[in-house]
PDB file of N, CA and C in Angstrom:
ATOM      1  N   MET A   1      10.608  27.930  18.524  1.00  0.00           N
ATOM      2  CA  MET A   1       9.280  28.298  18.088  1.00  0.00           C
ATOM      3  C   MET A   1       8.306  27.229  18.585  1.00  0.00           C
ATOM      4  N   ASN A   2       7.278  27.645  19.309  1.00  0.00           N
ATOM      5  CA  ASN A   2       6.325  26.664  19.822  1.00  0.00           C
ATOM      6  C   ASN A   2       5.220  26.402  18.789  1.00  0.00           C
ATOM      7  N   ASP A   3       4.352  25.444  19.093  1.00  0.00           N
ATOM      8  CA  ASP A   3       3.316  25.032  18.145  1.00  0.00           C
ATOM      9  C   ASP A   3       2.362  26.169  17.787  1.00  0.00           C
ATOM     10  N   ARG A   4       2.003  26.978  18.751  1.00  0.00           N
ATOM     11  CA  ARG A   4       1.097  28.102  18.482  1.00  0.00           C
ATOM     12  C   ARG A   4       1.756  29.098  17.526  1.00  0.00           C
ATOM     13  N   GLU A   5       3.026  29.383  17.736  1.00  0.00           N
ATOM     14  CA  GLU A   5       3.742  30.301  16.848  1.00  0.00           C
ATOM     15  C   GLU A   5       3.822  29.739  15.432  1.00  0.00           C
ATOM     16  N   ILE A   6       4.049  28.442  15.317  1.00  0.00           N
ATOM     17  CA  ILE A   6       4.083  27.810  14.000  1.00  0.00           C
ATOM     18  C   ILE A   6       2.725  27.914  13.330  1.00  0.00           C
ATOM     19  N   TYR A   7       1.663  27.611  14.058  1.00  0.00           N
ATOM     20  CA  TYR A   7       0.300  27.724  13.551  1.00  0.00           C
ATOM     21  C   TYR A   7       0.020  29.142  13.052  1.00  0.00           C
ATOM     22  N   GLU A   8       0.349  30.127  13.856  1.00  0.00           N
ATOM     23  CA  GLU A   8       0.091  31.520  13.482  1.00  0.00           C
ATOM     24  C   GLU A   8       0.929  31.952  12.286  1.00  0.00           C
ATOM     25  N   THR A   9       2.175  31.525  12.242  1.00  0.00           N
ATOM     26  CA  THR A   9       3.057  31.872  11.131  1.00  0.00           C
ATOM     27  C   THR A   9       2.576  31.252   9.831  1.00  0.00           C
ATOM     28  N   LEU A  10       2.203  29.982   9.874  1.00  0.00           N
ATOM     29  CA  LEU A  10       1.699  29.323   8.666  1.00  0.00           C
ATOM     30  C   LEU A  10       0.404  29.982   8.183  1.00  0.00           C
ATOM     31  N   GLY A  11      -0.460  30.341   9.106  1.00  0.00           N
ATOM     32  CA  GLY A  11      -1.697  31.025   8.734  1.00  0.00           C
ATOM     33  C   GLY A  11      -1.429  32.364   8.064  1.00  0.00           C
ATOM     34  N   ALA A  12      -0.488  33.110   8.603  1.00  0.00           N
ATOM     35  CA  ALA A  12      -0.134  34.406   8.022  1.00  0.00           C
ATOM     36  C   ALA A  12       0.508  34.240   6.649  1.00  0.00           C
ATOM     37  N   MET A  13       1.361  33.232   6.518  1.00  0.00           N
ATOM     38  CA  MET A  13       1.988  32.970   5.226  1.00  0.00           C
ATOM     39  C   MET A  13       0.937  32.581   4.188  1.00  0.00           C
ATOM     40  N   ALA A  14      -0.020  31.769   4.592  1.00  0.00           N
ATOM     41  CA  ALA A  14      -1.088  31.366   3.686  1.00  0.00           C
ATOM     42  C   ALA A  14      -1.874  32.590   3.214  1.00  0.00           C
ATOM     43  N   GLN A  15      -2.179  33.488   4.130  1.00  0.00           N
ATOM     44  CA  GLN A  15      -2.912  34.703   3.756  1.00  0.00           C
ATOM     45  C   GLN A  15      -2.087  35.572   2.814  1.00  0.00           C
ATOM     46  N   ASP A  16      -0.789  35.694   3.085  1.00  0.00           N
ATOM     47  CA  ASP A  16       0.084  36.480   2.211  1.00  0.00           C
ATOM     48  C   ASP A  16       0.103  35.902   0.792  1.00  0.00           C
ATOM     49  N   LEU A  17       0.195  34.583   0.689  1.00  0.00           N
ATOM     50  CA  LEU A  17       0.199  33.948  -0.630  1.00  0.00           C
ATOM     51  C   LEU A  17      -1.130  34.152  -1.346  1.00  0.00           C
ATOM     52  N   MET A  18      -2.237  34.066  -0.624  1.00  0.00           N
ATOM     53  CA  MET A  18      -3.542  34.287  -1.232  1.00  0.00           C
ATOM     54  C   MET A  18      -3.645  35.732  -1.734  1.00  0.00           C
ATOM     55  N   ASP A  19      -3.144  36.670  -0.949  1.00  0.00           N
ATOM     56  CA  ASP A  19      -3.143  38.073  -1.370  1.00  0.00           C
ATOM     57  C   ASP A  19      -2.296  38.263  -2.626  1.00  0.00           C
ATOM     58  N   LEU A  20      -1.135  37.614  -2.659  1.00  0.00           N
ATOM     59  CA  LEU A  20      -0.265  37.705  -3.833  1.00  0.00           C
ATOM     60  C   LEU A  20      -0.925  37.116  -5.069  1.00  0.00           C
ATOM     61  N   SER A  21      -1.723  36.078  -4.887  1.00  0.00           N
ATOM     62  CA  SER A  21      -2.363  35.433  -6.038  1.00  0.00           C
ATOM     63  C   SER A  21      -3.277  36.401  -6.785  1.00  0.00           C
ATOM     64  N   GLU A  22      -3.796  37.381  -6.086  1.00  0.00           N
ATOM     65  CA  GLU A  22      -4.676  38.363  -6.709  1.00  0.00           C
ATOM     66  C   GLU A  22      -3.920  39.307  -7.637  1.00  0.00           C
ATOM     67  N   THR A  23      -2.601  39.343  -7.528  1.00  0.00           N
ATOM     68  CA  THR A  23      -1.796  40.222  -8.368  1.00  0.00           C
ATOM     69  C   THR A  23      -1.016  39.451  -9.429  1.00  0.00           C
ATOM     70  N   ALA A  24      -1.202  38.149  -9.489  1.00  0.00           N
ATOM     71  CA  ALA A  24      -0.472  37.329 -10.453  1.00  0.00           C
ATOM     72  C   ALA A  24      -0.814  37.750 -11.874  1.00  0.00           C
ATOM     73  N   GLU A  25       0.187  37.711 -12.732  1.00  0.00           N
ATOM     74  CA  GLU A  25      -0.001  38.129 -14.120  1.00  0.00           C
ATOM     75  C   GLU A  25      -0.527  37.010 -15.016  1.00  0.00           C
ATOM     76  N   SER A  26      -0.538  35.785 -14.510  1.00  0.00           N
ATOM     77  CA  SER A  26      -1.028  34.673 -15.327  1.00  0.00           C
ATOM     78  C   SER A  26      -1.884  33.744 -14.482  1.00  0.00           C
ATOM     79  N   LEU A  27      -2.697  32.973 -15.154  1.00  0.00           N
ATOM     80  CA  LEU A  27      -3.524  31.987 -14.475  1.00  0.00           C
ATOM     81  C   LEU A  27      -2.649  30.927 -13.803  1.00  0.00           C
ATOM     82  N   ILE A  28      -1.550  30.578 -14.438  1.00  0.00           N
ATOM     83  CA  ILE A  28      -0.640  29.588 -13.858  1.00  0.00           C
ATOM     84  C   ILE A  28      -0.048  30.118 -12.554  1.00  0.00           C
ATOM     85  N   GLY A  29       0.393  31.365 -12.547  1.00  0.00           N
ATOM     86  CA  GLY A  29       0.943  31.962 -11.332  1.00  0.00           C
ATOM     87  C   GLY A  29      -0.089  32.068 -10.234  1.00  0.00           C
ATOM     88  N   GLU A  30      -1.294  32.487 -10.615  1.00  0.00           N
ATOM     89  CA  GLU A  30      -2.382  32.586  -9.640  1.00  0.00           C
ATOM     90  C   GLU A  30      -2.695  31.226  -9.033  1.00  0.00           C
ATOM     91  N   THR A  31      -2.778  30.217  -9.875  1.00  0.00           N
ATOM     92  CA  THR A  31      -3.084  28.865  -9.399  1.00  0.00           C
ATOM     93  C   THR A  31      -1.972  28.338  -8.493  1.00  0.00           C
ATOM     94  N   ALA A  32      -0.736  28.586  -8.868  1.00  0.00           N
ATOM     95  CA  ALA A  32       0.394  28.131  -8.048  1.00  0.00           C
ATOM     96  C   ALA A  32       0.356  28.768  -6.664  1.00  0.00           C
ATOM     97  N   LEU A  33       0.111  30.068  -6.619  1.00  0.00           N
ATOM     98  CA  LEU A  33       0.065  30.767  -5.332  1.00  0.00           C
ATOM     99  C   LEU A  33      -1.116  30.312  -4.488  1.00  0.00           C
ATOM    100  N   ARG A  34      -2.260  30.106  -5.118  1.00  0.00           N
ATOM    101  CA  ARG A  34      -3.436  29.650  -4.363  1.00  0.00           C
ATOM    102  C   ARG A  34      -3.254  28.219  -3.861  1.00  0.00           C
ATOM    103  N   THR A  35      -2.600  27.389  -4.649  1.00  0.00           N
ATOM    104  CA  THR A  35      -2.337  26.017  -4.212  1.00  0.00           C
ATOM    105  C   THR A  35      -1.383  26.009  -3.020  1.00  0.00           C
ATOM    106  N   ALA A  36      -0.344  26.815  -3.097  1.00  0.00           N
ATOM    107  CA  ALA A  36       0.598  26.913  -1.978  1.00  0.00           C
ATOM    108  C   ALA A  36      -0.099  27.453  -0.729  1.00  0.00           C
ATOM    109  N   ALA A  37      -0.971  28.445  -0.912  1.00  0.00           N
ATOM    110  CA  ALA A  37      -1.719  29.009   0.223  1.00  0.00           C
ATOM    111  C   ALA A  37      -2.605  27.949   0.856  1.00  0.00           C
ATOM    112  N   ALA A  38      -3.289  27.171   0.028  1.00  0.00           N
ATOM    113  CA  ALA A  38      -4.177  26.130   0.555  1.00  0.00           C
ATOM    114  C   ALA A  38      -3.392  25.058   1.298  1.00  0.00           C
ATOM    115  N   THR A  39      -2.214  24.724   0.792  1.00  0.00           N
ATOM    116  CA  THR A  39      -1.376  23.728   1.459  1.00  0.00           C
ATOM    117  C   THR A  39      -0.949  24.212   2.838  1.00  0.00           C
ATOM    118  N   LEU A  40      -0.485  25.458   2.912  1.00  0.00           N
ATOM    119  CA  LEU A  40      -0.071  26.006   4.209  1.00  0.00           C
ATOM    120  C   LEU A  40      -1.250  26.152   5.163  1.00  0.00           C
ATOM    121  N   ALA A  41      -2.389  26.574   4.644  1.00  0.00           N
ATOM    122  CA  ALA A  41      -3.572  26.704   5.487  1.00  0.00           C
ATOM    123  C   ALA A  41      -3.998  25.337   6.031  1.00  0.00           C
ATOM    124  N   GLY A  42      -3.920  24.316   5.198  1.00  0.00           N
ATOM    125  CA  GLY A  42      -4.254  22.966   5.648  1.00  0.00           C
ATOM    126  C   GLY A  42      -3.300  22.463   6.712  1.00  0.00           C
ATOM    127  N   THR A  43      -2.026  22.780   6.546  1.00  0.00           N
ATOM    128  CA  THR A  43      -1.035  22.388   7.545  1.00  0.00           C
ATOM    129  C   THR A  43      -1.294  23.105   8.867  1.00  0.00           C
ATOM    130  N   ALA A  44      -1.607  24.389   8.790  1.00  0.00           N
ATOM    131  CA  ALA A  44      -1.931  25.145  10.005  1.00  0.00           C
ATOM    132  C   ALA A  44      -3.162  24.563  10.689  1.00  0.00           C
ATOM    133  N   LYS A  45      -4.178  24.204   9.910  1.00  0.00           N
ATOM    134  CA  LYS A  45      -5.388  23.609  10.476  1.00  0.00           C
ATOM    135  C   LYS A  45      -5.068  22.282  11.160  1.00  0.00           C
ATOM    136  N   ALA A  46      -4.215  21.480  10.542  1.00  0.00           N
ATOM    137  CA  ALA A  46      -3.837  20.204  11.152  1.00  0.00           C
ATOM    138  C   ALA A  46      -3.133  20.425  12.489  1.00  0.00           C
ATOM    139  N   ILE A  47      -2.259  21.411  12.546  1.00  0.00           N
ATOM    140  CA  ILE A  47      -1.581  21.728  13.809  1.00  0.00           C
ATOM    141  C   ILE A  47      -2.616  22.148  14.850  1.00  0.00           C
ATOM    142  N   HIS A  48      -3.538  22.995  14.444  1.00  0.00           N
ATOM    143  CA  HIS A  48      -4.569  23.447  15.372  1.00  0.00           C
ATOM    144  C   HIS A  48      -5.415  22.280  15.857  1.00  0.00           C
ATOM    145  N   ASP A  49      -5.886  21.457  14.925  1.00  0.00           N
ATOM    146  CA  ASP A  49      -6.789  20.359  15.271  1.00  0.00           C
ATOM    147  C   ASP A  49      -6.125  19.287  16.138  1.00  0.00           C
ATOM    148  N   HIS A  50      -4.868  19.000  15.878  1.00  0.00           N
ATOM    149  CA  HIS A  50      -4.223  17.876  16.549  1.00  0.00           C
ATOM    150  C   HIS A  50      -3.321  18.254  17.720  1.00  0.00           C
ATOM    151  N   VAL A  51      -2.867  19.474  17.731  1.00  0.00           N
ATOM    152  CA  VAL A  51      -1.955  19.868  18.801  1.00  0.00           C
ATOM    153  C   VAL A  51      -2.578  20.902  19.717  1.00  0.00           C
ATOM    154  N   LEU A  52      -3.087  21.965  19.152  1.00  0.00           N
ATOM    155  CA  LEU A  52      -3.553  23.081  19.972  1.00  0.00           C
ATOM    156  C   LEU A  52      -4.930  22.830  20.589  1.00  0.00           C
ATOM    157  N   SER A  53      -5.713  21.944  19.995  1.00  0.00           N
ATOM    158  CA  SER A  53      -7.036  21.669  20.558  1.00  0.00           C
ATOM    159  C   SER A  53      -6.971  20.675  21.724  1.00  0.00           C
ATOM    160  N   GLY A  54      -5.784  20.136  21.970  1.00  0.00           N
ATOM    161  CA  GLY A  54      -5.620  19.211  23.084  1.00  0.00           C
ATOM    162  C   GLY A  54      -5.836  17.765  22.730  1.00  0.00           C
ATOM    163  N   SER A  55      -6.028  17.462  21.445  1.00  0.00           N
ATOM    164  CA  SER A  55      -6.226  16.073  21.023  1.00  0.00           C
ATOM    165  C   SER A  55      -4.939  15.291  21.171  1.00  0.00           C
ATOM    166  N   GLU A  56      -5.072  14.076  21.563  1.00  0.00           N
ATOM    167  CA  GLU A  56      -3.914  13.174  21.682  1.00  0.00           C
ATOM    168  C   GLU A  56      -4.141  11.999  20.748  1.00  0.00           C
ATOM    169  N   HIS A  57      -3.127  11.611  19.971  1.00  0.00           N
ATOM    170  CA  HIS A  57      -3.221  10.457  19.081  1.00  0.00           C
ATOM    171  C   HIS A  57      -2.155   9.445  19.399  1.00  0.00           C
TER     172      HIS A  57
END
């Protein structure tokens, strides 16, 4: 799996979790799903910013 595929997969997973959060039966479940979605989205953004944009560190 290359970096672009990882970025796209993490983004899709984040969206799926956010969608699931809308169906959660409790505030705790909703918060857990939204937190997980935000974590994956942040990881995808980091991959995009540092790898796919051509930045070198």
